[in-house]
Amino acid sequence: MSKTSADANFIPLNVAVVTISDSRTEANDTSGDYLALSLESAGHKVVCRLIVKDDKYELRARFSALIADPEVSIVISTGSTGLTGRDVAPEALEPLFDKSIEGFGELFRSVSITDIGAATIQSRAFAGLANGTVIFCIPGSPNACRTAWEEVIRPQLDARTRPCNLANLMPRFHE
């Protein structure tokens, strides 16, 4: 279990929240709303909110723009990680990564098993690093977003988390 060090300083990060869906709108994007509120409550800044259709090429274009934007340090997307024909996030986005963060999907599925049991095998949650930008791609359900945020992402975006975290590593991503 990660621990938070009382003597370390919090580092606010600039985050983009992207909902990948053919059916979600600003009015009913409960997962994107949850993530944005959670990020801001934790002290981070949501610099961009997008809803993008499940289209491989549109996803690549939108994420490429976020990856190139020096104001964006983190991208968290929700949706399009399942097994249906329209779930294309892994196929669209993994080719953009400089490095994959395999442990993210493994840990997400491990902590999800207590909530959804063996159905966790249907999740293709994944993460990677592209041009110094950390990208987390999680399922679209509000419960999955809550699990990903509370159990995996929040501690990794908190510079006070010990023994290590992504927030403190970010300056070294361009070495």
N, C-alpha and C. Protein backbone atom coordinates (compact mmCIF):
# COMPACT_ATOMS: atom_id res chain seq x y z
N MET A 1 0.85 -1.18 0.00
CA MET A 1 0.00 0.00 0.00
C MET A 1 0.89 1.24 0.00
N SER A 2 0.56 2.23 -0.82
CA SER A 2 1.34 3.45 -0.85
C SER A 2 1.03 4.30 0.37
N LYS A 3 2.00 5.06 0.74
CA LYS A 3 1.86 5.95 1.88
C LYS A 3 2.13 7.37 1.43
N THR A 4 1.54 8.33 2.13
CA THR A 4 1.76 9.73 1.82
C THR A 4 2.71 10.31 2.86
N SER A 5 3.76 10.94 2.39
CA SER A 5 4.75 11.53 3.27
C SER A 5 4.28 12.91 3.73
N ALA A 6 4.33 13.14 5.04
CA ALA A 6 3.87 14.41 5.60
C ALA A 6 4.83 15.55 5.29
N ASP A 7 6.09 15.25 5.00
CA ASP A 7 7.08 16.31 4.79
C ASP A 7 7.28 16.67 3.32
N ALA A 8 6.61 16.00 2.40
CA ALA A 8 6.74 16.30 0.98
C ALA A 8 5.69 17.33 0.56
N ASN A 9 5.97 18.04 -0.51
CA ASN A 9 5.05 19.06 -1.02
C ASN A 9 4.18 18.49 -2.14
N PHE A 10 2.92 18.92 -2.18
CA PHE A 10 2.02 18.55 -3.26
C PHE A 10 2.40 19.35 -4.51
N ILE A 11 2.34 18.70 -5.67
CA ILE A 11 2.63 19.36 -6.95
C ILE A 11 1.35 19.30 -7.80
N PRO A 12 0.68 20.43 -8.02
CA PRO A 12 -0.51 20.40 -8.87
C PRO A 12 -0.12 20.15 -10.32
N LEU A 13 -0.88 19.29 -10.99
CA LEU A 13 -0.59 18.92 -12.37
C LEU A 13 -1.72 19.38 -13.28
N ASN A 14 -1.39 19.65 -14.54
CA ASN A 14 -2.38 20.03 -15.55
C ASN A 14 -2.87 18.77 -16.25
N VAL A 15 -4.18 18.57 -16.20
CA VAL A 15 -4.76 17.32 -16.68
C VAL A 15 -5.86 17.59 -17.70
N ALA A 16 -5.89 16.77 -18.75
CA ALA A 16 -7.00 16.76 -19.71
C ALA A 16 -7.85 15.53 -19.42
N VAL A 17 -9.16 15.71 -19.43
CA VAL A 17 -10.11 14.60 -19.24
C VAL A 17 -10.84 14.40 -20.56
N VAL A 18 -10.77 13.19 -21.09
CA VAL A 18 -11.38 12.87 -22.38
C VAL A 18 -12.36 11.72 -22.20
N THR A 19 -13.59 11.94 -22.61
CA THR A 19 -14.59 10.88 -22.63
C THR A 19 -14.69 10.38 -24.05
N ILE A 20 -14.50 9.07 -24.22
CA ILE A 20 -14.58 8.46 -25.54
C ILE A 20 -15.91 7.73 -25.62
N SER A 21 -16.81 8.26 -26.45
CA SER A 21 -18.14 7.69 -26.51
C SER A 21 -18.92 8.20 -27.72
N ASP A 22 -19.77 7.34 -28.24
CA ASP A 22 -20.69 7.75 -29.30
C ASP A 22 -22.00 8.27 -28.73
N SER A 23 -22.22 8.06 -27.43
CA SER A 23 -23.52 8.43 -26.84
C SER A 23 -23.44 9.47 -25.73
N ARG A 24 -22.30 9.68 -25.13
CA ARG A 24 -22.20 10.65 -24.04
C ARG A 24 -22.18 12.07 -24.59
N THR A 25 -22.77 12.97 -23.80
CA THR A 25 -22.79 14.40 -24.11
C THR A 25 -22.35 15.14 -22.86
N GLU A 26 -22.19 16.45 -22.96
CA GLU A 26 -21.86 17.23 -21.76
C GLU A 26 -22.92 17.05 -20.69
N ALA A 27 -24.16 16.86 -21.08
CA ALA A 27 -25.27 16.74 -20.12
C ALA A 27 -25.28 15.41 -19.37
N ASN A 28 -24.75 14.34 -19.97
CA ASN A 28 -24.82 13.04 -19.31
C ASN A 28 -23.46 12.36 -19.12
N ASP A 29 -22.40 13.10 -19.15
CA ASP A 29 -21.05 12.56 -19.00
C ASP A 29 -20.69 12.43 -17.51
N THR A 30 -21.35 11.51 -16.82
CA THR A 30 -21.13 11.37 -15.38
C THR A 30 -19.71 10.90 -15.05
N SER A 31 -19.12 10.07 -15.89
CA SER A 31 -17.76 9.60 -15.62
C SER A 31 -16.74 10.72 -15.79
N GLY A 32 -16.88 11.50 -16.87
CA GLY A 32 -15.99 12.65 -17.06
C GLY A 32 -16.17 13.67 -15.96
N ASP A 33 -17.42 13.89 -15.54
CA ASP A 33 -17.69 14.82 -14.43
C ASP A 33 -17.01 14.35 -13.16
N TYR A 34 -17.13 13.05 -12.86
CA TYR A 34 -16.51 12.50 -11.66
C TYR A 34 -14.99 12.72 -11.68
N LEU A 35 -14.37 12.40 -12.81
CA LEU A 35 -12.91 12.55 -12.90
C LEU A 35 -12.48 14.00 -12.75
N ALA A 36 -13.17 14.91 -13.43
CA ALA A 36 -12.81 16.33 -13.35
C ALA A 36 -12.96 16.85 -11.92
N LEU A 37 -14.06 16.51 -11.28
CA LEU A 37 -14.28 16.95 -9.90
C LEU A 37 -13.25 16.35 -8.95
N SER A 38 -12.93 15.08 -9.13
CA SER A 38 -11.94 14.42 -8.28
C SER A 38 -10.56 15.03 -8.44
N LEU A 39 -10.19 15.31 -9.68
CA LEU A 39 -8.88 15.94 -9.94
C LEU A 39 -8.80 17.31 -9.28
N GLU A 40 -9.84 18.12 -9.48
CA GLU A 40 -9.83 19.47 -8.90
C GLU A 40 -9.87 19.42 -7.38
N SER A 41 -10.63 18.49 -6.82
CA SER A 41 -10.69 18.34 -5.36
C SER A 41 -9.33 17.94 -4.78
N ALA A 42 -8.57 17.20 -5.57
CA ALA A 42 -7.23 16.78 -5.13
C ALA A 42 -6.20 17.89 -5.29
N GLY A 43 -6.55 18.98 -5.99
CA GLY A 43 -5.62 20.09 -6.16
C GLY A 43 -5.01 20.22 -7.54
N HIS A 44 -5.41 19.35 -8.47
CA HIS A 44 -4.91 19.44 -9.83
C HIS A 44 -5.78 20.38 -10.65
N LYS A 45 -5.30 20.77 -11.83
CA LYS A 45 -6.03 21.69 -12.71
C LYS A 45 -6.49 20.94 -13.96
N VAL A 46 -7.79 20.94 -14.21
CA VAL A 46 -8.32 20.36 -15.43
C VAL A 46 -8.23 21.44 -16.51
N VAL A 47 -7.33 21.26 -17.45
CA VAL A 47 -7.07 22.28 -18.47
C VAL A 47 -7.86 22.03 -19.75
N CYS A 48 -8.49 20.85 -19.85
CA CYS A 48 -9.23 20.52 -21.07
C CYS A 48 -10.21 19.41 -20.75
N ARG A 49 -11.43 19.54 -21.30
CA ARG A 49 -12.44 18.48 -21.23
C ARG A 49 -12.94 18.25 -22.64
N LEU A 50 -12.90 17.01 -23.10
CA LEU A 50 -13.35 16.66 -24.44
C LEU A 50 -14.26 15.44 -24.42
N ILE A 51 -15.16 15.39 -25.36
CA ILE A 51 -15.91 14.17 -25.66
C ILE A 51 -15.60 13.85 -27.12
N VAL A 52 -15.05 12.66 -27.34
CA VAL A 52 -14.60 12.26 -28.67
C VAL A 52 -15.30 10.95 -29.04
N LYS A 53 -15.76 10.87 -30.27
CA LYS A 53 -16.44 9.67 -30.76
C LYS A 53 -15.46 8.49 -30.83
N ASP A 54 -16.01 7.29 -30.79
CA ASP A 54 -15.23 6.05 -30.92
C ASP A 54 -14.78 5.88 -32.37
N ASP A 55 -13.82 6.66 -32.76
CA ASP A 55 -13.28 6.59 -34.12
C ASP A 55 -11.75 6.62 -34.00
N LYS A 56 -11.11 5.58 -34.49
CA LYS A 56 -9.67 5.42 -34.33
C LYS A 56 -8.88 6.64 -34.79
N TYR A 57 -9.24 7.21 -35.92
CA TYR A 57 -8.45 8.30 -36.48
C TYR A 57 -8.74 9.63 -35.79
N GLU A 58 -9.98 9.84 -35.40
CA GLU A 58 -10.30 11.04 -34.63
C GLU A 58 -9.61 10.99 -33.27
N LEU A 59 -9.60 9.81 -32.65
CA LEU A 59 -8.91 9.66 -31.36
C LEU A 59 -7.42 9.97 -31.50
N ARG A 60 -6.79 9.42 -32.53
CA ARG A 60 -5.36 9.67 -32.73
C ARG A 60 -5.09 11.16 -32.93
N ALA A 61 -5.93 11.82 -33.69
CA ALA A 61 -5.73 13.25 -33.94
C ALA A 61 -5.90 14.05 -32.65
N ARG A 62 -6.95 13.79 -31.91
CA ARG A 62 -7.20 14.55 -30.68
C ARG A 62 -6.13 14.29 -29.62
N PHE A 63 -5.76 13.03 -29.45
CA PHE A 63 -4.74 12.70 -28.46
C PHE A 63 -3.36 13.21 -28.89
N SER A 64 -3.07 13.19 -30.17
CA SER A 64 -1.80 13.74 -30.66
C SER A 64 -1.70 15.21 -30.32
N ALA A 65 -2.80 15.94 -30.46
CA ALA A 65 -2.80 17.37 -30.11
C ALA A 65 -2.57 17.56 -28.62
N LEU A 66 -3.18 16.72 -27.79
CA LEU A 66 -2.97 16.83 -26.33
C LEU A 66 -1.53 16.48 -25.96
N ILE A 67 -0.99 15.46 -26.60
CA ILE A 67 0.39 15.04 -26.34
C ILE A 67 1.37 16.15 -26.72
N ALA A 68 1.07 16.89 -27.76
CA ALA A 68 1.95 17.97 -28.22
C ALA A 68 1.77 19.26 -27.44
N ASP A 69 0.70 19.38 -26.67
CA ASP A 69 0.39 20.60 -25.93
C ASP A 69 1.25 20.66 -24.67
N PRO A 70 2.15 21.65 -24.56
CA PRO A 70 3.02 21.72 -23.38
C PRO A 70 2.26 22.03 -22.08
N GLU A 71 1.01 22.47 -22.19
CA GLU A 71 0.22 22.75 -20.99
C GLU A 71 -0.37 21.49 -20.37
N VAL A 72 -0.42 20.39 -21.12
CA VAL A 72 -1.02 19.14 -20.65
C VAL A 72 0.07 18.18 -20.19
N SER A 73 0.02 17.79 -18.91
CA SER A 73 0.97 16.83 -18.35
C SER A 73 0.39 15.42 -18.29
N ILE A 74 -0.93 15.34 -18.07
CA ILE A 74 -1.62 14.07 -17.88
C ILE A 74 -2.88 14.08 -18.73
N VAL A 75 -3.22 12.94 -19.32
CA VAL A 75 -4.51 12.76 -19.98
C VAL A 75 -5.16 11.55 -19.33
N ILE A 76 -6.40 11.72 -18.89
CA ILE A 76 -7.18 10.59 -18.39
C ILE A 76 -8.39 10.45 -19.29
N SER A 77 -8.51 9.29 -19.93
CA SER A 77 -9.68 9.06 -20.78
C SER A 77 -10.55 8.00 -20.15
N THR A 78 -11.83 8.11 -20.43
CA THR A 78 -12.81 7.14 -19.94
C THR A 78 -13.63 6.64 -21.12
N GLY A 79 -13.76 5.33 -21.20
CA GLY A 79 -14.54 4.73 -22.27
C GLY A 79 -13.70 4.10 -23.36
N SER A 80 -14.35 3.23 -24.15
CA SER A 80 -13.77 2.60 -25.33
C SER A 80 -12.65 1.61 -25.02
N THR A 81 -12.68 1.02 -23.82
CA THR A 81 -11.64 0.04 -23.47
C THR A 81 -12.18 -1.38 -23.39
N GLY A 82 -13.43 -1.58 -23.79
CA GLY A 82 -14.04 -2.90 -23.70
C GLY A 82 -13.75 -3.76 -24.92
N LEU A 83 -14.64 -4.70 -25.17
CA LEU A 83 -14.42 -5.70 -26.22
C LEU A 83 -15.35 -5.56 -27.42
N THR A 84 -16.27 -4.60 -27.38
CA THR A 84 -17.20 -4.49 -28.51
C THR A 84 -16.50 -3.92 -29.74
N GLY A 85 -17.18 -3.99 -30.85
CA GLY A 85 -16.61 -3.50 -32.11
C GLY A 85 -16.28 -2.02 -32.09
N ARG A 86 -17.00 -1.22 -31.32
CA ARG A 86 -16.77 0.22 -31.27
C ARG A 86 -15.70 0.59 -30.24
N ASP A 87 -15.25 -0.34 -29.40
CA ASP A 87 -14.22 -0.05 -28.39
C ASP A 87 -12.85 -0.11 -29.03
N VAL A 88 -12.32 1.05 -29.40
CA VAL A 88 -11.09 1.09 -30.20
C VAL A 88 -9.94 1.86 -29.53
N ALA A 89 -10.10 2.27 -28.29
CA ALA A 89 -9.06 3.09 -27.66
C ALA A 89 -7.68 2.42 -27.68
N PRO A 90 -7.54 1.15 -27.28
CA PRO A 90 -6.19 0.56 -27.31
C PRO A 90 -5.57 0.56 -28.70
N GLU A 91 -6.35 0.18 -29.69
CA GLU A 91 -5.83 0.13 -31.06
C GLU A 91 -5.49 1.52 -31.59
N ALA A 92 -6.27 2.52 -31.19
CA ALA A 92 -6.04 3.88 -31.65
C ALA A 92 -4.86 4.54 -30.96
N LEU A 93 -4.72 4.32 -29.66
CA LEU A 93 -3.80 5.14 -28.87
C LEU A 93 -2.46 4.49 -28.55
N GLU A 94 -2.42 3.19 -28.39
CA GLU A 94 -1.14 2.56 -28.04
C GLU A 94 -0.04 2.83 -29.07
N PRO A 95 -0.34 2.96 -30.38
CA PRO A 95 0.73 3.29 -31.33
C PRO A 95 1.35 4.68 -31.08
N LEU A 96 0.67 5.54 -30.34
CA LEU A 96 1.21 6.87 -30.05
C LEU A 96 2.21 6.85 -28.89
N PHE A 97 2.23 5.79 -28.11
CA PHE A 97 3.05 5.74 -26.90
C PHE A 97 4.54 5.57 -27.21
N ASP A 98 5.36 6.29 -26.46
CA ASP A 98 6.80 6.05 -26.46
C ASP A 98 7.12 4.86 -25.56
N LYS A 99 6.36 4.75 -24.47
CA LYS A 99 6.51 3.65 -23.52
C LYS A 99 5.13 3.29 -22.99
N SER A 100 4.90 2.00 -22.81
CA SER A 100 3.67 1.54 -22.17
C SER A 100 3.91 1.43 -20.66
N ILE A 101 2.84 1.63 -19.91
CA ILE A 101 2.90 1.44 -18.45
C ILE A 101 2.03 0.21 -18.16
N GLU A 102 2.60 -0.97 -18.39
CA GLU A 102 1.85 -2.21 -18.27
C GLU A 102 1.23 -2.40 -16.90
N GLY A 103 1.93 -1.99 -15.86
CA GLY A 103 1.44 -2.19 -14.50
C GLY A 103 0.12 -1.51 -14.22
N PHE A 104 -0.22 -0.46 -14.96
CA PHE A 104 -1.49 0.22 -14.71
C PHE A 104 -2.67 -0.70 -14.97
N GLY A 105 -2.73 -1.29 -16.15
CA GLY A 105 -3.84 -2.18 -16.48
C GLY A 105 -3.88 -3.39 -15.57
N GLU A 106 -2.71 -3.93 -15.26
CA GLU A 106 -2.64 -5.08 -14.36
C GLU A 106 -3.20 -4.73 -12.98
N LEU A 107 -2.77 -3.59 -12.44
CA LEU A 107 -3.23 -3.19 -11.11
C LEU A 107 -4.71 -2.82 -11.13
N PHE A 108 -5.16 -2.13 -12.17
CA PHE A 108 -6.57 -1.77 -12.26
C PHE A 108 -7.44 -3.03 -12.23
N ARG A 109 -7.09 -4.03 -13.03
CA ARG A 109 -7.89 -5.26 -13.05
C ARG A 109 -7.80 -5.98 -11.71
N SER A 110 -6.65 -5.94 -11.07
CA SER A 110 -6.50 -6.59 -9.77
C SER A 110 -7.41 -5.97 -8.72
N VAL A 111 -7.46 -4.65 -8.66
CA VAL A 111 -8.32 -4.01 -7.65
C VAL A 111 -9.79 -4.07 -8.06
N SER A 112 -10.09 -4.19 -9.34
CA SER A 112 -11.47 -4.26 -9.82
C SER A 112 -12.14 -5.57 -9.47
N ILE A 113 -11.37 -6.61 -9.27
CA ILE A 113 -11.96 -7.93 -9.05
C ILE A 113 -12.85 -7.96 -7.80
N THR A 114 -12.53 -7.14 -6.81
CA THR A 114 -13.37 -7.14 -5.61
C THR A 114 -14.75 -6.56 -5.88
N ASP A 115 -14.87 -5.67 -6.88
CA ASP A 115 -16.15 -5.06 -7.22
C ASP A 115 -16.92 -5.85 -8.27
N ILE A 116 -16.23 -6.33 -9.30
CA ILE A 116 -16.95 -6.92 -10.43
C ILE A 116 -16.57 -8.36 -10.72
N GLY A 117 -15.73 -8.96 -9.89
CA GLY A 117 -15.36 -10.36 -10.07
C GLY A 117 -14.63 -10.61 -11.37
N ALA A 118 -14.91 -11.78 -11.93
CA ALA A 118 -14.21 -12.21 -13.14
C ALA A 118 -14.53 -11.34 -14.36
N ALA A 119 -15.56 -10.50 -14.28
CA ALA A 119 -15.87 -9.60 -15.39
C ALA A 119 -14.72 -8.64 -15.67
N THR A 120 -13.78 -8.54 -14.73
CA THR A 120 -12.63 -7.65 -14.94
C THR A 120 -11.79 -8.07 -16.15
N ILE A 121 -11.91 -9.32 -16.59
CA ILE A 121 -11.15 -9.73 -17.78
C ILE A 121 -11.61 -9.00 -19.03
N GLN A 122 -12.80 -8.40 -18.99
CA GLN A 122 -13.31 -7.68 -20.15
C GLN A 122 -12.74 -6.27 -20.26
N SER A 123 -12.00 -5.84 -19.25
CA SER A 123 -11.41 -4.50 -19.27
C SER A 123 -10.06 -4.52 -19.96
N ARG A 124 -9.89 -3.58 -20.87
CA ARG A 124 -8.60 -3.40 -21.51
C ARG A 124 -8.00 -2.05 -21.07
N ALA A 125 -8.18 -1.71 -19.79
CA ALA A 125 -7.58 -0.48 -19.26
C ALA A 125 -6.08 -0.52 -19.53
N PHE A 126 -5.52 0.64 -19.89
CA PHE A 126 -4.10 0.69 -20.24
C PHE A 126 -3.58 2.10 -20.01
N ALA A 127 -2.25 2.22 -20.02
CA ALA A 127 -1.63 3.53 -19.84
C ALA A 127 -0.29 3.55 -20.57
N GLY A 128 0.18 4.77 -20.81
CA GLY A 128 1.46 4.91 -21.47
C GLY A 128 1.99 6.32 -21.35
N LEU A 129 3.16 6.49 -21.90
CA LEU A 129 3.87 7.77 -21.88
C LEU A 129 4.15 8.17 -23.32
N ALA A 130 3.78 9.40 -23.68
CA ALA A 130 4.01 9.91 -25.03
C ALA A 130 4.47 11.36 -24.94
N ASN A 131 5.68 11.64 -25.40
CA ASN A 131 6.23 13.00 -25.38
C ASN A 131 6.19 13.60 -23.98
N GLY A 132 6.45 12.77 -22.98
CA GLY A 132 6.45 13.24 -21.60
C GLY A 132 5.07 13.38 -20.98
N THR A 133 4.02 13.04 -21.71
CA THR A 133 2.65 13.11 -21.21
C THR A 133 2.20 11.72 -20.78
N VAL A 134 1.68 11.62 -19.56
CA VAL A 134 1.17 10.35 -19.06
C VAL A 134 -0.29 10.23 -19.50
N ILE A 135 -0.65 9.08 -20.07
CA ILE A 135 -2.00 8.85 -20.56
C ILE A 135 -2.56 7.61 -19.86
N PHE A 136 -3.69 7.80 -19.17
CA PHE A 136 -4.42 6.71 -18.53
C PHE A 136 -5.71 6.51 -19.29
N CYS A 137 -6.02 5.28 -19.69
CA CYS A 137 -7.27 4.98 -20.40
C CYS A 137 -8.04 3.95 -19.59
N ILE A 138 -9.21 4.35 -19.11
CA ILE A 138 -9.98 3.52 -18.20
C ILE A 138 -11.39 3.29 -18.75
N PRO A 139 -12.06 2.27 -18.25
CA PRO A 139 -13.43 2.01 -18.71
C PRO A 139 -14.35 3.20 -18.43
N GLY A 140 -15.51 3.19 -19.10
CA GLY A 140 -16.42 4.32 -19.05
C GLY A 140 -17.41 4.35 -17.91
N SER A 141 -17.55 3.29 -17.15
CA SER A 141 -18.55 3.32 -16.08
C SER A 141 -18.07 4.20 -14.92
N PRO A 142 -19.00 4.89 -14.26
CA PRO A 142 -18.61 5.70 -13.10
C PRO A 142 -17.89 4.88 -12.03
N ASN A 143 -18.32 3.64 -11.81
CA ASN A 143 -17.67 2.81 -10.80
C ASN A 143 -16.23 2.50 -11.18
N ALA A 144 -15.99 2.21 -12.46
CA ALA A 144 -14.62 1.94 -12.92
C ALA A 144 -13.76 3.19 -12.78
N CYS A 145 -14.33 4.36 -13.07
CA CYS A 145 -13.59 5.61 -12.91
C CYS A 145 -13.22 5.84 -11.45
N ARG A 146 -14.15 5.55 -10.57
CA ARG A 146 -13.90 5.71 -9.13
C ARG A 146 -12.78 4.77 -8.68
N THR A 147 -12.87 3.51 -9.11
CA THR A 147 -11.84 2.54 -8.73
C THR A 147 -10.47 2.96 -9.26
N ALA A 148 -10.41 3.34 -10.53
CA ALA A 148 -9.13 3.74 -11.13
C ALA A 148 -8.56 4.96 -10.41
N TRP A 149 -9.41 5.95 -10.15
CA TRP A 149 -8.94 7.17 -9.51
C TRP A 149 -8.46 6.90 -8.09
N GLU A 150 -9.31 6.29 -7.29
CA GLU A 150 -9.00 6.13 -5.87
C GLU A 150 -7.88 5.15 -5.61
N GLU A 151 -7.85 4.06 -6.35
CA GLU A 151 -6.90 2.99 -6.05
C GLU A 151 -5.56 3.10 -6.78
N VAL A 152 -5.56 3.75 -7.95
CA VAL A 152 -4.33 3.73 -8.76
C VAL A 152 -3.85 5.13 -9.14
N ILE A 153 -4.71 5.92 -9.77
CA ILE A 153 -4.27 7.18 -10.35
C ILE A 153 -3.97 8.24 -9.29
N ARG A 154 -4.90 8.46 -8.36
CA ARG A 154 -4.70 9.52 -7.36
C ARG A 154 -3.36 9.40 -6.65
N PRO A 155 -3.01 8.23 -6.09
CA PRO A 155 -1.71 8.17 -5.41
C PRO A 155 -0.52 8.39 -6.34
N GLN A 156 -0.64 8.00 -7.60
CA GLN A 156 0.48 8.19 -8.53
C GLN A 156 0.62 9.63 -9.00
N LEU A 157 -0.44 10.43 -8.90
CA LEU A 157 -0.35 11.84 -9.27
C LEU A 157 -0.07 12.73 -8.06
N ASP A 158 0.12 12.13 -6.90
CA ASP A 158 0.41 12.88 -5.68
C ASP A 158 1.90 12.75 -5.35
N ALA A 159 2.61 13.85 -5.43
CA ALA A 159 4.06 13.86 -5.21
C ALA A 159 4.44 13.44 -3.79
N ARG A 160 3.48 13.37 -2.92
CA ARG A 160 3.76 12.98 -1.52
C ARG A 160 3.69 11.47 -1.32
N THR A 161 3.22 10.72 -2.32
CA THR A 161 3.09 9.27 -2.19
C THR A 161 4.47 8.62 -2.20
N ARG A 162 4.69 7.75 -1.23
CA ARG A 162 5.94 7.02 -1.11
C ARG A 162 5.66 5.54 -1.27
N PRO A 163 6.55 4.76 -1.86
CA PRO A 163 7.95 5.08 -2.07
C PRO A 163 8.22 5.89 -3.33
N CYS A 164 7.31 5.88 -4.32
CA CYS A 164 7.54 6.67 -5.52
C CYS A 164 6.21 6.98 -6.20
N ASN A 165 6.24 7.92 -7.14
CA ASN A 165 5.02 8.34 -7.83
C ASN A 165 5.40 8.95 -9.17
N LEU A 166 4.42 9.07 -10.04
CA LEU A 166 4.67 9.65 -11.36
C LEU A 166 4.89 11.15 -11.31
N ALA A 167 4.25 11.84 -10.37
CA ALA A 167 4.39 13.29 -10.29
C ALA A 167 5.85 13.71 -10.11
N ASN A 168 6.59 13.00 -9.28
CA ASN A 168 8.00 13.33 -9.07
C ASN A 168 8.88 12.90 -10.24
N LEU A 169 8.44 11.90 -10.99
CA LEU A 169 9.23 11.43 -12.13
C LEU A 169 9.09 12.32 -13.38
N MET A 170 8.02 13.08 -13.45
CA MET A 170 7.71 13.82 -14.68
C MET A 170 8.86 14.67 -15.23
N PRO A 171 9.62 15.36 -14.40
CA PRO A 171 10.73 16.16 -14.97
C PRO A 171 11.78 15.30 -15.68
N ARG A 172 11.81 14.01 -15.39
CA ARG A 172 12.82 13.13 -15.98
C ARG A 172 12.34 12.42 -17.24
N PHE A 173 11.09 12.60 -17.62
CA PHE A 173 10.54 11.88 -18.78
C PHE A 173 11.21 12.28 -20.09
N HIS A 174 11.84 13.42 -20.16
CA HIS A 174 12.49 13.88 -21.39
C HIS A 174 14.00 13.67 -21.38
N GLU A 175 14.51 12.93 -20.42
CA GLU A 175 15.97 12.68 -20.36
C GLU A 175 16.41 11.85 -21.54
